């Protein structure tokens, strides 16, 4: 028995001669799904960025649970402040221990154009007193967003 593979004229080959196989991918449904997802993300992005506004219930008794944390601020010209009160670098560790006896650490917040020597001295003085130091920074994307407003 012999078979013809290159356009042979056998009795069974005549019915497939006019039909070609479909080798193209139909991307229309894919584009539809992507467009729907894009619209959904565009509508929900505003809610995800700014959060939801929720009105909390009001109660008669209000307990102040906000704890005052020690924050050392170094200004652009090198002045030191401990929670909005001017402080001396030599008495800084004592002031922190006196005003915040249960504090777990001190937050150091410095202007980006502050003199680095003053910031380093503050961190060194607090480190010598065995007080943990946390440096306050601002994420870059938030800083850029604040400048554009």
C-alpha atoms as a PDB file:
ATOM      1  CA  UNK A   1       0.000   0.000   0.000  1.00  0.00           C
ATOM      2  CA  UNK A   2       1.460   3.393  -0.984  1.00  0.00           C
ATOM      3  CA  UNK A   3       0.701   6.843   0.433  1.00  0.00           C
ATOM      4  CA  UNK A   4       1.072  10.151  -1.328  1.00  0.00           C
ATOM      5  CA  UNK A   5       2.222  13.035   0.943  1.00  0.00           C
ATOM      6  CA  UNK A   6       2.784  15.935  -1.499  1.00  0.00           C
ATOM      7  CA  UNK A   7      -0.640  16.672  -2.880  1.00  0.00           C
ATOM      8  CA  UNK A   8      -1.290  13.119  -3.953  1.00  0.00           C
ATOM      9  CA  UNK A   9      -4.679  12.287  -5.294  1.00  0.00           C
ATOM     10  CA  UNK A  10      -5.831   9.514  -3.025  1.00  0.00           C
ATOM     11  CA  UNK A  11      -9.450   8.815  -2.261  1.00  0.00           C
ATOM     12  CA  UNK A  12      -9.253  10.148   1.330  1.00  0.00           C
ATOM     13  CA  UNK A  13      -7.235  13.316   0.608  1.00  0.00           C
ATOM     14  CA  UNK A  14      -9.833  15.200  -1.401  1.00  0.00           C
ATOM     15  CA  UNK A  15     -11.981  16.238   1.555  1.00  0.00           C
ATOM     16  CA  UNK A  16      -9.137  18.205   3.364  1.00  0.00           C
ATOM     17  CA  UNK A  17      -7.885  20.052   0.316  1.00  0.00           C
ATOM     18  CA  UNK A  18      -9.951  23.300   0.786  1.00  0.00           C
ATOM     19  CA  UNK A  19      -9.587  23.638   4.611  1.00  0.00           C
ATOM     20  CA  UNK A  20      -6.444  25.092   6.141  1.00  0.00           C
ATOM     21  CA  UNK A  21      -5.602  24.773   9.832  1.00  0.00           C
ATOM     22  CA  UNK A  22      -6.143  27.859  11.994  1.00  0.00           C
ATOM     23  CA  UNK A  23      -2.729  28.874  13.351  1.00  0.00           C
ATOM     24  CA  UNK A  24      -3.514  32.508  14.343  1.00  0.00           C
ATOM     25  CA  UNK A  25      -4.274  33.393  17.961  1.00  0.00           C
ATOM     26  CA  UNK A  26      -7.399  35.458  18.538  1.00  0.00           C
ATOM     27  CA  UNK A  27      -6.331  38.241  20.918  1.00  0.00           C
ATOM     28  CA  UNK A  28      -9.632  40.123  21.025  1.00  0.00           C
ATOM     29  CA  UNK A  29     -10.826  38.377  24.251  1.00  0.00           C
ATOM     30  CA  UNK A  30      -7.432  39.017  25.843  1.00  0.00           C
ATOM     31  CA  UNK A  31      -7.627  42.723  25.003  1.00  0.00           C
ATOM     32  CA  UNK A  32     -11.178  42.866  26.403  1.00  0.00           C
ATOM     33  CA  UNK A  33     -10.083  41.366  29.727  1.00  0.00           C
ATOM     34  CA  UNK A  34      -7.050  43.665  29.977  1.00  0.00           C
ATOM     35  CA  UNK A  35      -9.186  46.741  29.291  1.00  0.00           C
ATOM     36  CA  UNK A  36     -11.709  45.750  31.972  1.00  0.00           C
ATOM     37  CA  UNK A  37      -8.891  45.228  34.496  1.00  0.00           C
ATOM     38  CA  UNK A  38      -7.369  48.568  33.550  1.00  0.00           C
ATOM     39  CA  UNK A  39     -10.664  50.361  34.169  1.00  0.00           C
ATOM     40  CA  UNK A  40     -11.091  48.597  37.526  1.00  0.00           C
ATOM     41  CA  UNK A  41      -7.579  49.557  38.669  1.00  0.00           C
ATOM     42  CA  UNK A  42      -8.040  53.147  37.513  1.00  0.00           C
ATOM     43  CA  UNK A  43     -11.229  53.451  39.551  1.00  0.00           C
ATOM     44  CA  UNK A  44      -9.815  51.854  42.709  1.00  0.00           C
ATOM     45  CA  UNK A  45      -6.376  53.512  42.663  1.00  0.00           C
ATOM     46  CA  UNK A  46      -7.766  56.706  44.187  1.00  0.00           C
ATOM     47  CA  UNK A  47      -9.239  54.799  47.126  1.00  0.00           C
ATOM     48  CA  UNK A  48      -6.035  52.829  47.687  1.00  0.00           C
ATOM     49  CA  UNK A  49      -3.816  55.918  47.679  1.00  0.00           C
ATOM     50  CA  UNK A  50      -5.776  58.140  50.025  1.00  0.00           C
ATOM     51  CA  UNK A  51      -7.577  55.531  52.113  1.00  0.00           C
ATOM     52  CA  UNK A  52     -11.189  55.383  53.057  1.00  0.00           C
ATOM     53  CA  UNK A  53     -12.860  58.128  55.017  1.00  0.00           C
ATOM     54  CA  UNK A  54     -14.586  56.623  58.016  1.00  0.00           C
ATOM     55  CA  UNK A  55     -16.523  58.552  60.633  1.00  0.00           C
ATOM     56  CA  UNK A  56     -15.865  56.870  63.966  1.00  0.00           C
ATOM     57  CA  UNK A  57     -18.579  56.711  66.616  1.00  0.00           C
ATOM     58  CA  UNK A  58     -18.569  59.333  69.360  1.00  0.00           C
ATOM     59  CA  UNK A  59     -18.438  58.359  73.033  1.00  0.00           C
ATOM     60  CA  UNK A  60     -18.762  60.338  76.254  1.00  0.00           C
ATOM     61  CA  UNK A  61     -15.583  59.170  77.953  1.00  0.00           C
ATOM     62  CA  UNK A  62     -12.386  59.976  76.099  1.00  0.00           C
ATOM     63  CA  UNK A  63      -9.085  58.529  77.245  1.00  0.00           C
ATOM     64  CA  UNK A  64      -5.947  60.230  76.020  1.00  0.00           C
ATOM     65  CA  UNK A  65      -3.800  57.359  74.840  1.00  0.00           C
ATOM     66  CA  UNK A  66      -1.275  59.429  72.938  1.00  0.00           C
ATOM     67  CA  UNK A  67       2.158  58.986  74.445  1.00  0.00           C
ATOM     68  CA  UNK A  68       4.592  61.856  74.143  1.00  0.00           C
ATOM     69  CA  UNK A  69       7.816  60.600  72.616  1.00  0.00           C
ATOM     70  CA  UNK A  70      11.220  62.251  72.951  1.00  0.00           C
ATOM     71  CA  UNK A  71      12.104  63.960  69.682  1.00  0.00           C
ATOM     72  CA  UNK A  72      15.395  65.798  69.211  1.00  0.00           C
ATOM     73  CA  UNK A  73      15.198  68.278  66.341  1.00  0.00           C
ATOM     74  CA  UNK A  74      18.288  69.717  64.656  1.00  0.00           C
ATOM     75  CA  UNK A  75      17.522  72.846  62.651  1.00  0.00           C
ATOM     76  CA  UNK A  76      19.207  74.050  59.504  1.00  0.00           C
ATOM     77  CA  UNK A  77      21.508  76.382  61.449  1.00  0.00           C
ATOM     78  CA  UNK A  78      22.430  73.759  64.093  1.00  0.00           C
ATOM     79  CA  UNK A  79      20.065  74.578  66.954  1.00  0.00           C
ATOM     80  CA  UNK A  80      18.865  71.669  69.116  1.00  0.00           C
ATOM     81  CA  UNK A  81      15.341  71.234  70.435  1.00  0.00           C
ATOM     82  CA  UNK A  82      13.898  68.517  72.651  1.00  0.00           C
ATOM     83  CA  UNK A  83      10.161  68.435  71.900  1.00  0.00           C
ATOM     84  CA  UNK A  84       9.959  72.132  70.927  1.00  0.00           C
ATOM     85  CA  UNK A  85      12.136  73.323  73.857  1.00  0.00           C
ATOM     86  CA  UNK A  86      15.671  74.472  73.207  1.00  0.00           C
ATOM     87  CA  UNK A  87      18.283  72.054  74.583  1.00  0.00           C
ATOM     88  CA  UNK A  88      22.023  71.959  75.178  1.00  0.00           C
ATOM     89  CA  UNK A  89      23.921  69.043  73.667  1.00  0.00           C
ATOM     90  CA  UNK A  90      25.903  68.517  76.896  1.00  0.00           C
ATOM     91  CA  UNK A  91      22.707  68.093  78.965  1.00  0.00           C
ATOM     92  CA  UNK A  92      20.703  66.272  76.290  1.00  0.00           C
ATOM     93  CA  UNK A  93      20.976  62.738  77.708  1.00  0.00           C
ATOM     94  CA  UNK A  94      20.075  63.942  81.210  1.00  0.00           C
ATOM     95  CA  UNK A  95      17.083  65.891  79.910  1.00  0.00           C
ATOM     96  CA  UNK A  96      15.806  62.856  78.025  1.00  0.00           C
ATOM     97  CA  UNK A  97      16.123  60.626  81.097  1.00  0.00           C
ATOM     98  CA  UNK A  98      14.525  63.276  83.334  1.00  0.00           C
ATOM     99  CA  UNK A  99      11.568  64.218  81.109  1.00  0.00           C
ATOM    100  CA  UNK A 100      10.937  60.746  79.610  1.00  0.00           C
ATOM    101  CA  UNK A 101      11.899  58.131  82.224  1.00  0.00           C
ATOM    102  CA  UNK A 102      10.168  55.217  80.454  1.00  0.00           C
ATOM    103  CA  UNK A 103      11.234  56.103  76.920  1.00  0.00           C
ATOM    104  CA  UNK A 104      12.525  53.226  74.811  1.00  0.00           C
ATOM    105  CA  UNK A 105      14.418  55.493  72.452  1.00  0.00           C
ATOM    106  CA  UNK A 106      14.856  58.993  71.094  1.00  0.00           C
ATOM    107  CA  UNK A 107      13.802  60.136  67.644  1.00  0.00           C
ATOM    108  CA  UNK A 108      16.316  62.415  65.952  1.00  0.00           C
ATOM    109  CA  UNK A 109      14.807  64.655  63.297  1.00  0.00           C
ATOM    110  CA  UNK A 110      17.206  66.864  61.341  1.00  0.00           C
ATOM    111  CA  UNK A 111      16.779  69.300  58.492  1.00  0.00           C
ATOM    112  CA  UNK A 112      18.219  67.933  55.260  1.00  0.00           C
ATOM    113  CA  UNK A 113      20.537  70.948  55.073  1.00  0.00           C
ATOM    114  CA  UNK A 114      21.591  70.736  58.734  1.00  0.00           C
ATOM    115  CA  UNK A 115      25.260  70.646  59.646  1.00  0.00           C
ATOM    116  CA  UNK A 116      26.216  66.970  59.755  1.00  0.00           C
ATOM    117  CA  UNK A 117      28.670  67.489  62.622  1.00  0.00           C
ATOM    118  CA  UNK A 118      25.844  68.508  64.973  1.00  0.00           C
ATOM    119  CA  UNK A 119      23.709  65.503  63.975  1.00  0.00           C
ATOM    120  CA  UNK A 120      26.659  63.150  64.496  1.00  0.00           C
ATOM    121  CA  UNK A 121      27.375  64.677  67.928  1.00  0.00           C
ATOM    122  CA  UNK A 122      23.737  64.225  68.995  1.00  0.00           C
ATOM    123  CA  UNK A 123      23.763  60.572  67.941  1.00  0.00           C
ATOM    124  CA  UNK A 124      27.096  60.051  69.695  1.00  0.00           C
ATOM    125  CA  UNK A 125      25.986  61.676  72.978  1.00  0.00           C
ATOM    126  CA  UNK A 126      22.778  59.641  73.074  1.00  0.00           C
ATOM    127  CA  UNK A 127      24.659  56.466  72.155  1.00  0.00           C
ATOM    128  CA  UNK A 128      27.154  56.989  75.005  1.00  0.00           C
ATOM    129  CA  UNK A 129      24.226  57.329  77.412  1.00  0.00           C
ATOM    130  CA  UNK A 130      22.874  53.952  76.156  1.00  0.00           C
ATOM    131  CA  UNK A 131      19.738  55.590  74.768  1.00  0.00           C
ATOM    132  CA  UNK A 132      18.561  53.982  71.490  1.00  0.00           C
ATOM    133  CA  UNK A 133      18.457  56.457  68.605  1.00  0.00           C
ATOM    134  CA  UNK A 134      15.879  56.380  65.804  1.00  0.00           C
ATOM    135  CA  UNK A 135      16.421  58.689  62.847  1.00  0.00           C
ATOM    136  CA  UNK A 136      13.290  60.225  61.330  1.00  0.00           C
ATOM    137  CA  UNK A 137      13.225  60.228  57.529  1.00  0.00           C
ATOM    138  CA  UNK A 138      10.635  60.743  54.855  1.00  0.00           C
ATOM    139  CA  UNK A 139      10.197  58.287  51.958  1.00  0.00           C
ATOM    140  CA  UNK A 140      11.326  59.706  48.645  1.00  0.00           C
ATOM    141  CA  UNK A 141       7.996  59.316  46.841  1.00  0.00           C
ATOM    142  CA  UNK A 142       6.150  61.198  49.593  1.00  0.00           C
ATOM    143  CA  UNK A 143       8.771  63.949  49.579  1.00  0.00           C
ATOM    144  CA  UNK A 144       8.367  64.364  45.813  1.00  0.00           C
ATOM    145  CA  UNK A 145       4.590  64.404  46.139  1.00  0.00           C
ATOM    146  CA  UNK A 146       4.769  67.087  48.838  1.00  0.00           C
ATOM    147  CA  UNK A 147       7.022  69.312  46.745  1.00  0.00           C
ATOM    148  CA  UNK A 148       4.705  69.210  43.730  1.00  0.00           C
ATOM    149  CA  UNK A 149       1.649  70.454  45.660  1.00  0.00           C
END
